[in-house]
Amino acid sequence: WDPSADAAATVALCDMAETFGRSPERCLLAACDPSGGVLALRVCEGRLHFFGAGCCFGPVGGETVPLDATGLTAHAVDRSVVDIAFLDCGQEAILASLHMEPAGDSRVVLHFICKTTFEARPLAVPATSSSRGAFQPLERGAVPGGRRANCGRTLAAGVLAQRIAPVPTSAGGGVIVFGASVVEVLQGRELRHDALVAGGPTRIADIVAAPEGARWLVAGDDGSLWIIELAASTSSSSQSCGGERVSVRRLGVGAAPANSLAWLPGDLAFVGSASGDSQLVDLAADAGGRTDNGFSVVETMTNLGPILDFCVVDVDKRGVSQVVTCSGEGSSGSVRFVHFGIDFEETAVVGERCLGVTGVWPVPRPDGSATLVVSFLCSTRVLEVSSCGTRVMETCATGLALDRQTLFCCPLEGGVCQVMRGEVRLLMAGVGAAATWTPGGRCIECVAAAPANLADPSAGLERCDGGSLALSLSGGEVLSLRLRQQAGVMQLVADAAWNVPGDVACLQTDGRLTAVG
């Protein structure tokens, strides 16, 4: 997140198979130190990898670069790690790893990570839960998970641990462990047994912490949603063996089992599902439009997938066929009717080199041949289409910035205009970059150009009438960018600007009027 531009920017990409020499054996685990200094990964069983965000990613707002594997350090752990999370420890980097033994016992082990060398060492905890003595690093060579009394804290019997999360310092610090219909709190760095409460889903799909306070939203694989809150309470429903109390409240069942959760400001939550509709829900106690659930649905995002079967049928006997799909899984299964599809014919396929495409634009050449400018997350390529339209090959393009993502590309005043997040370029044949413009440290978010004239035989391609573009910058500013010639020199000049409330999602312009969404 780049605060100066008020926008998210991708600064590093990593192919796990290439960086680590092998694909993840199971689900990838990742955690970020709250102070932003250390990142932790569990890519393969038996290893935790640590590296520094600054030395691997470079400055915020810089160019997107591959992850530098030389900065990673490996730390041996046993193969029973099921989740990892950094503690809320200020400037110190202490990682908690959750272990599930084959016999059913669960443990939490702490690791101290040096922020200069990124070396990790397991930390000893007091032998008894009542001890408040300081903990010390174990001697080098000690393996977490070994049969040592001071290597980690064993959880209460029957806690089939699945997920772990840090407890804010304001609530006592430590970690909260989510198991099968049970929640346990280990307080402070000493991991003192603090609270054990029955409740929650049997199998956890995802958890997310509230933006503030010691609250967590938990989703079960049955579609249920739960609120877990850690606060001083005298509620009779809370069984505690420490100063802090845990309350567990079942909110109800969402439209489909959740695969990902996001807790937004104002007690709004996004419940994303890959097996049914996703929802934006209001968790506030006084939310209107409440049903039997303890939350209200603000918006539902339709999801047809996964489609298990489908057929085409003339439903209304009017000769207009509709696609009927069997969508979703289990309790979220449904039959969906899809109206008015669009026929298409596949003429060419560009294969494995086009993974992660973010945009494509047709740009004619002066000789009339067609080219496609294709944008990826951190690069741009130019493809040449054969006259019969069945062959596509990569070609060169003088002046185009090929080492970064392209937001928009179109013909402009006899040349080609390429718009990137931090620059606009006008390219002329035989000249290269004839004019450039930068947004002064901010990011370009949306771009629009006037459509081609109807009298133009190449109508259908994007073209800027009068040499103008409409741009939106981070922060809600919309401006008009025009091409001018002064003393034979081409210049891109911002000749008008407006500030609109909120973020701009889309633009459309006809050269005279601009619509802002």
Protein backbone atom coordinates (compact mmCIF):
# COMPACT_ATOMS: atom_id res chain seq x y z
CA TRP A 1 0.00 0.00 0.00
CA ASP A 2 1.47 3.32 -1.11
CA PRO A 3 0.16 6.06 1.26
CA SER A 4 1.43 8.88 -0.95
CA ALA A 5 -0.63 7.64 -3.90
CA ASP A 6 -3.45 6.20 -1.76
CA ALA A 7 -3.40 3.08 -3.89
CA ALA A 8 -2.18 -0.50 -3.88
CA ALA A 9 0.89 -1.26 -5.98
CA THR A 10 2.41 -4.65 -6.80
CA VAL A 11 6.13 -4.36 -6.01
CA ALA A 12 7.25 -7.99 -6.18
CA LEU A 13 6.12 -11.26 -7.71
CA CYS A 14 7.29 -14.76 -6.87
CA ASP A 15 6.90 -18.11 -8.61
CA MET A 16 7.14 -20.59 -5.73
CA ALA A 17 8.25 -23.47 -7.93
CA GLU A 18 11.15 -21.43 -9.38
CA THR A 19 12.23 -19.66 -6.18
CA PHE A 20 12.17 -22.68 -3.89
CA GLY A 21 12.86 -25.37 -6.48
CA ARG A 22 9.62 -27.21 -5.72
CA SER A 23 5.88 -26.60 -5.63
CA PRO A 24 4.09 -26.27 -2.27
CA GLU A 25 3.31 -29.72 -0.88
CA ARG A 26 0.15 -28.49 0.79
CA CYS A 27 -1.61 -25.18 1.29
CA LEU A 28 0.89 -22.32 1.35
CA LEU A 29 1.14 -20.54 4.73
CA ALA A 30 2.25 -16.91 4.91
CA ALA A 31 2.48 -14.26 7.65
CA CYS A 32 3.73 -10.67 7.83
CA ASP A 33 5.33 -9.06 10.86
CA PRO A 34 3.05 -6.16 12.02
CA SER A 35 6.04 -3.79 11.96
CA GLY A 36 6.54 -4.67 8.28
CA GLY A 37 10.11 -5.92 8.60
CA VAL A 38 9.83 -9.69 8.17
CA LEU A 39 7.77 -12.04 6.01
CA ALA A 40 7.40 -15.75 6.79
CA LEU A 41 6.45 -18.57 4.42
CA ARG A 42 5.77 -22.29 4.85
CA VAL A 43 6.12 -23.57 1.30
CA CYS A 44 7.11 -27.16 2.01
CA GLU A 45 6.73 -29.32 5.09
CA GLY A 46 9.64 -29.19 7.51
CA ARG A 47 10.81 -25.67 6.55
CA LEU A 48 9.91 -22.09 7.45
CA HIS A 49 11.41 -19.37 5.23
CA PHE A 50 12.04 -15.81 6.45
CA PHE A 51 13.10 -12.71 4.55
CA GLY A 52 12.93 -8.93 4.87
CA ALA A 53 10.31 -6.95 3.01
CA GLY A 54 12.62 -4.02 2.34
CA CYS A 55 15.63 -5.85 0.92
CA CYS A 56 13.54 -8.16 -1.27
CA PHE A 57 10.82 -5.84 -2.49
CA GLY A 58 12.56 -2.50 -2.81
CA PRO A 59 10.93 0.88 -2.06
CA VAL A 60 7.17 1.28 -2.22
CA GLY A 61 6.14 2.77 -5.55
CA GLY A 62 9.13 1.31 -7.40
CA GLU A 63 9.07 -0.99 -10.38
CA THR A 64 7.71 -4.50 -9.98
CA VAL A 65 10.61 -6.93 -9.53
CA PRO A 66 10.95 -10.70 -9.05
CA LEU A 67 11.43 -11.92 -5.49
CA ASP A 68 15.13 -12.22 -4.71
CA ALA A 69 15.61 -15.78 -3.45
CA THR A 70 19.11 -14.99 -2.13
CA GLY A 71 17.58 -13.07 0.78
CA LEU A 72 15.66 -16.05 2.16
CA THR A 73 16.71 -18.05 5.20
CA ALA A 74 15.39 -21.53 6.01
CA HIS A 75 14.47 -22.70 9.52
CA ALA A 76 13.85 -26.36 10.30
CA VAL A 77 10.56 -27.29 11.96
CA ASP A 78 8.70 -30.54 12.31
CA ARG A 79 6.17 -31.52 9.65
CA SER A 80 3.12 -30.93 11.85
CA VAL A 81 2.78 -27.13 11.29
CA VAL A 82 -0.82 -26.24 10.36
CA ASP A 83 -0.76 -22.42 10.72
CA ILE A 84 1.56 -19.49 11.50
CA ALA A 85 1.06 -15.92 12.79
CA PHE A 86 3.24 -13.09 14.09
CA LEU A 87 2.63 -11.86 17.64
CA ASP A 88 1.74 -8.23 18.38
CA CYS A 89 5.15 -7.38 19.89
CA GLY A 90 5.92 -3.87 18.70
CA GLN A 91 9.26 -3.78 16.92
CA GLU A 92 10.21 -7.39 17.72
CA ALA A 93 9.49 -10.16 15.22
CA ILE A 94 8.17 -13.24 17.03
CA LEU A 95 6.37 -15.91 15.02
CA ALA A 96 3.96 -18.40 16.56
CA SER A 97 3.61 -21.75 14.77
CA LEU A 98 0.67 -24.06 15.47
CA HIS A 99 1.46 -27.77 15.48
CA MET A 100 -0.97 -30.69 15.27
CA GLU A 101 0.58 -33.98 16.32
CA PRO A 102 -0.59 -37.29 14.80
CA ALA A 103 -1.75 -38.40 18.26
CA GLY A 104 -4.13 -35.42 18.43
CA ASP A 105 -2.14 -33.13 20.75
CA SER A 106 -1.73 -29.49 19.70
CA ARG A 107 1.17 -27.16 20.53
CA VAL A 108 2.15 -23.53 19.95
CA VAL A 109 5.87 -22.82 19.41
CA LEU A 110 7.43 -19.34 19.35
CA HIS A 111 10.30 -18.33 17.05
CA PHE A 112 12.40 -15.16 17.40
CA ILE A 113 13.52 -13.72 14.02
CA CYS A 114 16.51 -11.38 13.82
CA LYS A 115 15.62 -8.47 11.55
CA THR A 116 19.17 -8.09 10.24
CA THR A 117 20.14 -11.67 9.40
CA PHE A 118 16.58 -13.13 9.29
CA GLU A 119 17.80 -16.11 11.26
CA ALA A 120 15.15 -17.74 13.45
CA ARG A 121 15.53 -19.46 16.81
CA PRO A 122 12.83 -21.20 18.86
CA LEU A 123 11.99 -19.60 22.18
CA ALA A 124 11.60 -21.43 25.46
CA VAL A 125 8.47 -20.78 27.51
CA PRO A 126 8.09 -21.25 31.27
CA ALA A 127 7.60 -24.84 32.34
CA THR A 128 4.32 -24.02 34.12
CA SER A 129 1.47 -21.79 33.04
CA SER A 130 1.67 -19.78 36.28
CA SER A 131 5.30 -18.81 35.77
CA ARG A 132 5.84 -15.25 34.58
CA GLY A 133 9.58 -15.45 34.09
CA ALA A 134 11.24 -14.17 30.93
CA PHE A 135 11.71 -16.68 28.14
CA GLN A 136 15.08 -17.30 26.49
CA PRO A 137 16.16 -18.64 23.09
CA LEU A 138 16.90 -22.36 23.05
CA GLU A 139 20.43 -23.48 22.33
CA ARG A 140 21.33 -23.79 18.66
CA GLY A 141 20.30 -27.10 17.19
CA ALA A 142 17.17 -27.56 19.29
CA VAL A 143 14.32 -28.65 17.06
CA PRO A 144 10.80 -27.37 17.75
CA GLY A 145 8.53 -30.30 18.34
CA GLY A 146 11.22 -32.34 20.06
CA ARG A 147 10.24 -33.86 23.37
CA ARG A 148 11.39 -30.89 25.45
CA ALA A 149 9.29 -29.53 28.28
CA ASN A 150 10.06 -25.91 27.47
CA CYS A 151 9.69 -26.01 23.66
CA GLY A 152 6.25 -24.57 23.07
CA ARG A 153 3.00 -24.74 24.99
CA THR A 154 0.79 -27.80 24.76
CA LEU A 155 -2.89 -26.92 24.43
CA ALA A 156 -5.70 -28.37 26.48
CA ALA A 157 -6.71 -31.94 25.73
CA GLY A 158 -9.28 -32.22 22.98
CA VAL A 159 -8.40 -28.93 21.24
CA LEU A 160 -8.05 -30.12 17.67
CA ALA A 161 -6.29 -26.92 16.62
CA GLN A 162 -6.84 -25.61 13.09
CA ARG A 163 -6.02 -21.87 13.03
CA ILE A 164 -4.05 -19.37 15.12
CA ALA A 165 -4.22 -15.56 15.36
CA PRO A 166 -2.39 -12.92 17.43
CA VAL A 167 -4.15 -11.24 20.36
CA PRO A 168 -3.71 -7.43 20.45
CA THR A 169 -1.47 -6.07 23.19
CA SER A 170 -4.44 -4.08 24.52
CA ALA A 171 -6.15 -7.40 25.29
CA GLY A 172 -3.13 -8.99 26.94
CA GLY A 173 -1.16 -10.17 23.93
CA GLY A 174 -0.39 -13.77 23.10
CA VAL A 175 -2.38 -15.92 20.69
CA ILE A 176 -5.88 -17.27 20.26
CA VAL A 177 -6.24 -20.80 18.91
CA PHE A 178 -9.34 -21.94 17.02
CA GLY A 179 -10.07 -25.66 17.21
CA ALA A 180 -12.97 -27.99 16.49
CA SER A 181 -15.87 -26.27 18.32
CA VAL A 182 -13.48 -24.88 20.94
CA VAL A 183 -11.40 -21.71 21.43
CA GLU A 184 -8.34 -21.40 23.67
CA VAL A 185 -6.39 -18.26 24.59
CA LEU A 186 -2.69 -18.29 25.52
CA GLN A 187 -1.81 -14.94 27.08
CA GLY A 188 1.39 -12.95 26.76
CA ARG A 189 4.77 -14.04 25.54
CA GLU A 190 4.83 -16.75 28.20
CA LEU A 191 1.76 -18.37 26.54
CA ARG A 192 -0.04 -18.71 29.87
CA HIS A 193 -3.28 -20.71 29.68
CA ASP A 194 -5.89 -17.98 29.97
CA ALA A 195 -9.27 -19.14 28.67
CA LEU A 196 -10.93 -22.22 27.22
CA VAL A 197 -14.43 -21.90 25.76
CA ALA A 198 -16.61 -24.33 23.85
CA GLY A 199 -18.15 -22.99 20.64
CA GLY A 200 -17.43 -22.22 17.03
CA PRO A 201 -17.57 -24.35 13.88
CA THR A 202 -16.32 -27.92 13.79
CA ARG A 203 -14.24 -27.28 10.69
CA ILE A 204 -12.93 -23.77 10.01
CA ALA A 205 -12.88 -22.37 6.48
CA ASP A 206 -11.35 -18.94 7.23
CA ILE A 207 -10.88 -16.35 9.99
CA VAL A 208 -10.33 -12.60 9.89
CA ALA A 209 -9.60 -10.09 12.66
CA ALA A 210 -11.58 -6.88 13.14
CA PRO A 211 -9.80 -3.65 12.15
CA GLU A 212 -9.74 -2.72 15.83
CA GLY A 213 -10.34 -4.54 19.08
CA ALA A 214 -9.98 -8.21 19.95
CA ARG A 215 -12.70 -9.63 17.71
CA TRP A 216 -12.60 -12.28 15.01
CA LEU A 217 -15.06 -13.37 12.34
CA VAL A 218 -14.90 -17.13 11.80
CA ALA A 219 -16.46 -19.05 8.90
CA GLY A 220 -17.18 -22.76 9.02
CA ASP A 221 -17.12 -25.07 6.04
CA ASP A 222 -20.87 -25.56 6.55
CA GLY A 223 -21.51 -21.87 5.74
CA SER A 224 -21.93 -20.77 9.36
CA LEU A 225 -20.53 -17.44 10.58
CA TRP A 226 -19.34 -16.81 14.15
CA ILE A 227 -18.08 -13.82 16.14
CA ILE A 228 -15.33 -14.52 18.71
CA GLU A 229 -14.65 -11.64 21.11
CA LEU A 230 -11.96 -11.38 23.76
CA ALA A 231 -12.80 -8.85 26.45
CA ALA A 232 -13.32 -8.51 30.21
CA SER A 233 -16.71 -10.06 30.85
CA THR A 234 -18.64 -11.70 33.64
CA SER A 235 -20.97 -13.55 31.29
CA SER A 236 -21.97 -16.92 32.71
CA SER A 237 -21.56 -18.47 29.26
CA SER A 238 -17.79 -17.85 29.33
CA GLN A 239 -15.62 -20.41 31.09
CA SER A 240 -12.28 -18.79 31.86
CA CYS A 241 -9.15 -19.76 33.72
CA GLY A 242 -7.57 -16.29 33.43
CA GLY A 243 -8.27 -12.59 33.50
CA GLU A 244 -9.48 -12.30 29.93
CA ARG A 245 -12.82 -13.76 28.84
CA VAL A 246 -13.94 -15.21 25.52
CA SER A 247 -17.45 -14.91 24.15
CA VAL A 248 -18.58 -17.02 21.19
CA ARG A 249 -21.67 -15.96 19.22
CA ARG A 250 -23.15 -17.74 16.22
CA LEU A 251 -24.43 -15.23 13.64
CA GLY A 252 -26.15 -17.64 11.27
CA VAL A 253 -25.55 -19.17 7.87
CA GLY A 254 -24.43 -17.36 4.72
CA ALA A 255 -25.54 -18.00 1.15
CA ALA A 256 -22.66 -20.46 0.61
CA PRO A 257 -19.61 -21.78 2.48
CA ALA A 258 -16.97 -19.07 2.64
CA ASN A 259 -13.51 -19.44 1.12
CA SER A 260 -12.27 -15.98 2.15
CA LEU A 261 -13.31 -13.26 4.58
CA ALA A 262 -12.54 -9.53 4.76
CA TRP A 263 -13.64 -7.35 7.68
CA LEU A 264 -14.27 -3.83 6.41
CA PRO A 265 -14.72 -0.57 8.36
CA GLY A 266 -18.16 0.04 9.81
CA ASP A 267 -18.66 -3.63 10.78
CA LEU A 268 -19.15 -4.62 7.15
CA ALA A 269 -17.72 -7.95 6.04
CA PHE A 270 -17.17 -9.52 2.64
CA VAL A 271 -17.90 -13.24 2.60
CA GLY A 272 -16.36 -14.66 -0.57
CA SER A 273 -17.31 -18.10 -1.83
CA ALA A 274 -16.04 -20.26 -4.68
CA SER A 275 -19.00 -22.64 -4.42
CA GLY A 276 -21.88 -20.15 -4.45
CA ASP A 277 -22.83 -16.48 -4.23
CA SER A 278 -20.57 -14.07 -2.34
CA GLN A 279 -22.11 -11.54 0.04
CA LEU A 280 -21.43 -8.17 1.62
CA VAL A 281 -22.98 -8.37 5.11
CA ASP A 282 -23.54 -5.92 7.96
CA LEU A 283 -22.44 -7.34 11.32
CA ALA A 284 -23.71 -4.38 13.40
CA ALA A 285 -26.22 -5.25 16.12
CA ASP A 286 -28.68 -2.60 14.94
CA ALA A 287 -28.55 -3.52 11.25
CA GLY A 288 -31.88 -3.18 9.50
CA GLY A 289 -33.53 -5.76 7.28
CA ARG A 290 -32.54 -8.54 9.65
CA THR A 291 -33.77 -12.08 9.07
CA ASP A 292 -33.25 -15.13 11.23
CA ASN A 293 -29.49 -14.54 10.96
CA GLY A 294 -27.56 -12.22 13.25
CA PHE A 295 -26.51 -10.11 10.28
CA SER A 296 -28.13 -8.36 7.35
CA VAL A 297 -27.18 -8.84 3.69
CA VAL A 298 -26.18 -5.57 2.03
CA GLU A 299 -25.34 -6.97 -1.42
CA THR A 300 -25.10 -10.36 -3.11
CA MET A 301 -22.59 -11.07 -5.89
CA THR A 302 -23.84 -13.83 -8.19
CA ASN A 303 -21.48 -16.71 -8.89
CA LEU A 304 -22.39 -19.41 -11.42
CA GLY A 305 -19.42 -21.60 -10.56
CA PRO A 306 -18.73 -24.33 -10.09
CA ILE A 307 -21.00 -25.48 -12.95
CA LEU A 308 -21.51 -29.23 -12.52
CA ASP A 309 -23.78 -29.68 -15.54
CA PHE A 310 -25.73 -27.56 -18.03
CA CYS A 311 -28.09 -27.78 -20.98
CA VAL A 312 -29.61 -25.47 -23.60
CA VAL A 313 -33.41 -25.30 -23.68
CA ASP A 314 -36.15 -23.17 -25.26
CA VAL A 315 -37.89 -22.29 -22.00
CA ASP A 316 -40.60 -19.89 -23.22
CA LYS A 317 -41.25 -21.63 -26.58
CA ARG A 318 -40.35 -18.47 -28.49
CA GLY A 319 -37.29 -19.81 -30.25
CA VAL A 320 -34.86 -18.08 -27.89
CA SER A 321 -32.71 -20.68 -26.16
CA GLN A 322 -31.39 -20.26 -22.63
CA VAL A 323 -28.57 -22.00 -20.81
CA VAL A 324 -29.68 -23.79 -17.65
CA THR A 325 -26.86 -24.61 -15.23
CA CYS A 326 -26.52 -26.80 -12.16
CA SER A 327 -24.35 -24.50 -10.04
CA GLY A 328 -22.77 -24.63 -6.61
CA GLU A 329 -22.06 -27.48 -4.25
CA GLY A 330 -23.90 -29.10 -1.35
CA SER A 331 -26.27 -26.75 0.50
CA SER A 332 -25.42 -23.89 -1.89
CA GLY A 333 -26.44 -25.85 -5.00
CA SER A 334 -28.89 -24.14 -7.36
CA VAL A 335 -30.35 -24.22 -10.87
CA ARG A 336 -29.60 -21.01 -12.79
CA PHE A 337 -31.06 -19.67 -16.02
CA VAL A 338 -28.64 -17.66 -18.16
CA HIS A 339 -30.37 -15.36 -20.68
CA PHE A 340 -29.16 -14.35 -24.14
CA GLY A 341 -25.69 -15.71 -24.65
CA ILE A 342 -23.24 -14.42 -27.28
CA ASP A 343 -21.96 -16.64 -30.09
CA PHE A 344 -18.23 -16.51 -30.88
CA GLU A 345 -15.79 -18.28 -33.13
CA GLU A 346 -12.27 -19.14 -32.01
CA THR A 347 -9.76 -18.25 -34.72
CA ALA A 348 -6.42 -18.34 -32.86
CA VAL A 349 -5.07 -19.28 -29.43
CA VAL A 350 -2.06 -17.73 -27.72
CA GLY A 351 -0.80 -20.27 -25.20
CA GLU A 352 1.29 -20.48 -22.06
CA ARG A 353 3.18 -17.19 -22.46
CA CYS A 354 -0.02 -15.19 -21.90
CA LEU A 355 -0.72 -16.12 -18.29
CA GLY A 356 -1.97 -13.20 -16.19
CA VAL A 357 -3.19 -10.92 -18.99
CA THR A 358 -4.60 -7.61 -17.68
CA GLY A 359 -5.58 -5.95 -20.96
CA VAL A 360 -5.45 -6.14 -24.75
CA TRP A 361 -5.86 -3.38 -27.39
CA PRO A 362 -5.88 -3.51 -31.23
CA VAL A 363 -3.52 -0.94 -32.77
CA PRO A 364 -3.23 -0.61 -36.58
CA ARG A 365 0.13 -0.12 -38.27
CA PRO A 366 0.72 2.49 -40.99
CA ASP A 367 0.75 -0.32 -43.61
CA GLY A 368 -2.72 -1.42 -42.48
CA SER A 369 -1.68 -4.64 -40.73
CA ALA A 370 -3.12 -5.38 -37.29
CA THR A 371 -1.20 -5.66 -34.03
CA LEU A 372 -2.33 -6.40 -30.50
CA VAL A 373 -0.77 -4.71 -27.47
CA VAL A 374 -1.10 -7.17 -24.57
CA SER A 375 -0.50 -6.10 -20.95
CA PHE A 376 0.59 -8.34 -18.06
CA LEU A 377 1.10 -7.60 -14.36
CA CYS A 378 4.66 -6.40 -14.86
CA SER A 379 5.30 -6.37 -18.63
CA THR A 380 3.82 -5.56 -22.05
CA ARG A 381 4.07 -7.51 -25.30
CA VAL A 382 3.15 -6.72 -28.93
CA LEU A 383 1.60 -9.47 -31.06
CA GLU A 384 1.23 -9.42 -34.84
CA VAL A 385 -1.91 -10.97 -36.33
CA SER A 386 -1.67 -12.59 -39.78
CA SER A 387 -3.94 -11.38 -42.59
CA CYS A 388 -6.07 -14.53 -42.35
CA GLY A 389 -6.44 -14.05 -38.58
CA THR A 390 -5.32 -17.57 -37.69
CA ARG A 391 -1.70 -16.91 -36.74
CA VAL A 392 -0.31 -14.78 -33.93
CA MET A 393 3.38 -14.04 -33.30
CA GLU A 394 5.33 -11.67 -31.07
CA THR A 395 6.91 -8.66 -32.76
CA CYS A 396 9.01 -5.67 -31.74
CA ALA A 397 7.73 -2.15 -31.10
CA THR A 398 10.14 0.79 -30.90
CA GLY A 399 9.49 3.10 -27.95
CA LEU A 400 6.90 1.02 -26.08
CA ALA A 401 7.73 0.42 -22.42
CA LEU A 402 7.75 -3.39 -22.34
CA ASP A 403 9.00 -3.77 -18.75
CA ARG A 404 5.83 -2.54 -17.01
CA GLN A 405 2.07 -2.92 -17.04
CA THR A 406 0.01 -0.98 -19.61
CA LEU A 407 -3.33 0.49 -18.54
CA PHE A 408 -4.46 1.68 -21.96
CA CYS A 409 -3.19 1.87 -25.54
CA CYS A 410 -4.72 3.54 -28.61
CA PRO A 411 -3.86 5.34 -31.88
CA LEU A 412 -3.31 9.05 -31.40
CA GLU A 413 -2.62 11.70 -34.05
CA GLY A 414 -0.79 9.30 -36.38
CA GLY A 415 1.08 7.59 -33.56
CA VAL A 416 0.37 5.29 -30.62
CA CYS A 417 -0.39 6.40 -27.07
CA GLN A 418 0.66 4.09 -24.20
CA VAL A 419 -0.71 4.83 -20.72
CA MET A 420 0.97 3.32 -17.63
CA ARG A 421 0.39 3.97 -13.93
CA GLY A 422 3.17 6.53 -13.73
CA GLU A 423 3.60 7.79 -17.29
CA VAL A 424 1.86 8.54 -20.62
CA ARG A 425 3.90 8.11 -23.83
CA LEU A 426 3.19 9.19 -27.40
CA LEU A 427 5.10 7.08 -29.91
CA MET A 428 5.61 8.14 -33.54
CA ALA A 429 6.89 5.95 -36.37
CA GLY A 430 10.63 6.42 -36.88
CA VAL A 431 10.90 8.70 -33.82
CA GLY A 432 10.04 6.54 -30.81
CA ALA A 433 8.81 8.45 -27.74
CA ALA A 434 7.80 11.82 -29.20
CA ALA A 435 6.15 13.16 -26.02
CA THR A 436 5.72 12.04 -22.40
CA TRP A 437 3.66 13.14 -19.37
CA THR A 438 3.85 12.06 -15.71
CA PRO A 439 1.23 12.53 -12.94
CA GLY A 440 3.66 14.03 -10.44
CA GLY A 441 4.16 11.12 -8.08
CA ARG A 442 0.56 9.92 -8.15
CA CYS A 443 -0.91 6.89 -9.91
CA ILE A 444 -3.13 6.83 -12.98
CA GLU A 445 -6.20 4.68 -12.19
CA CYS A 446 -8.59 4.88 -15.19
CA VAL A 447 -8.26 5.99 -18.82
CA ALA A 448 -10.79 6.78 -21.53
CA ALA A 449 -10.51 7.97 -25.14
CA ALA A 450 -13.10 9.27 -27.56
CA PRO A 451 -14.39 6.59 -29.99
CA ALA A 452 -13.35 6.66 -33.61
CA ASN A 453 -15.32 8.82 -36.06
CA LEU A 454 -18.10 6.99 -37.85
CA ALA A 455 -16.62 8.11 -41.17
CA ASP A 456 -13.34 6.48 -40.29
CA PRO A 457 -12.93 3.13 -42.11
CA SER A 458 -11.09 1.81 -39.07
CA ALA A 459 -14.07 2.53 -36.78
CA GLY A 460 -14.20 0.15 -33.88
CA LEU A 461 -10.67 0.87 -32.72
CA GLU A 462 -10.15 3.28 -29.84
CA ARG A 463 -8.90 6.65 -31.11
CA CYS A 464 -8.54 10.06 -29.48
CA ASP A 465 -10.32 12.72 -31.54
CA GLY A 466 -8.48 16.00 -31.29
CA GLY A 467 -5.59 14.34 -29.46
CA SER A 468 -7.24 14.10 -26.02
CA LEU A 469 -7.49 11.57 -23.22
CA ALA A 470 -9.53 11.51 -20.00
CA LEU A 471 -7.54 10.29 -16.98
CA SER A 472 -8.35 9.70 -13.32
CA LEU A 473 -5.62 9.90 -10.69
CA SER A 474 -5.47 8.44 -7.20
CA GLY A 475 -7.39 10.68 -4.83
CA GLY A 476 -10.35 11.28 -7.14
CA GLU A 477 -8.93 13.85 -9.58
CA VAL A 478 -10.08 13.67 -13.21
CA LEU A 479 -8.22 15.60 -15.91
CA SER A 480 -8.14 16.05 -19.67
CA LEU A 481 -4.83 15.40 -21.39
CA ARG A 482 -4.32 16.93 -24.86
CA LEU A 483 -1.60 16.83 -27.48
CA ARG A 484 -0.22 20.21 -28.55
CA GLN A 485 2.57 21.34 -30.84
CA GLN A 486 4.72 24.31 -29.89
CA ALA A 487 7.59 25.36 -32.16
CA GLY A 488 7.41 21.95 -33.85
CA VAL A 489 7.71 20.09 -30.56
CA MET A 490 4.88 17.78 -29.45
CA GLN A 491 3.73 18.08 -25.83
CA LEU A 492 1.12 16.29 -23.72
CA VAL A 493 -0.55 18.92 -21.55
CA ALA A 494 -3.24 18.64 -18.86
CA ASP A 495 -5.62 21.48 -19.79
CA ALA A 496 -8.52 20.82 -17.38
CA ALA A 497 -8.99 19.07 -14.04
CA TRP A 498 -11.87 18.24 -11.70
CA ASN A 499 -12.04 16.72 -8.23
CA VAL A 500 -14.81 14.18 -7.64
CA PRO A 501 -15.89 12.70 -4.29
CA GLY A 502 -14.68 9.16 -3.73
CA ASP A 503 -12.64 6.87 -5.96
CA VAL A 504 -13.19 6.72 -9.73
CA ALA A 505 -14.17 3.28 -11.03
CA CYS A 506 -14.70 4.04 -14.72
CA LEU A 507 -14.58 6.82 -17.33
CA GLN A 508 -16.20 7.42 -20.72
CA THR A 509 -15.70 10.39 -23.03
CA ASP A 510 -16.81 11.50 -26.49
CA GLY A 511 -14.18 14.23 -26.78
CA ARG A 512 -16.52 16.96 -25.43
CA LEU A 513 -18.25 15.43 -22.41
CA THR A 514 -16.77 12.99 -19.89
CA ALA A 515 -18.85 10.63 -17.72
CA VAL A 516 -17.29 9.65 -14.40
CA GLY A 517 -18.42 6.59 -12.43
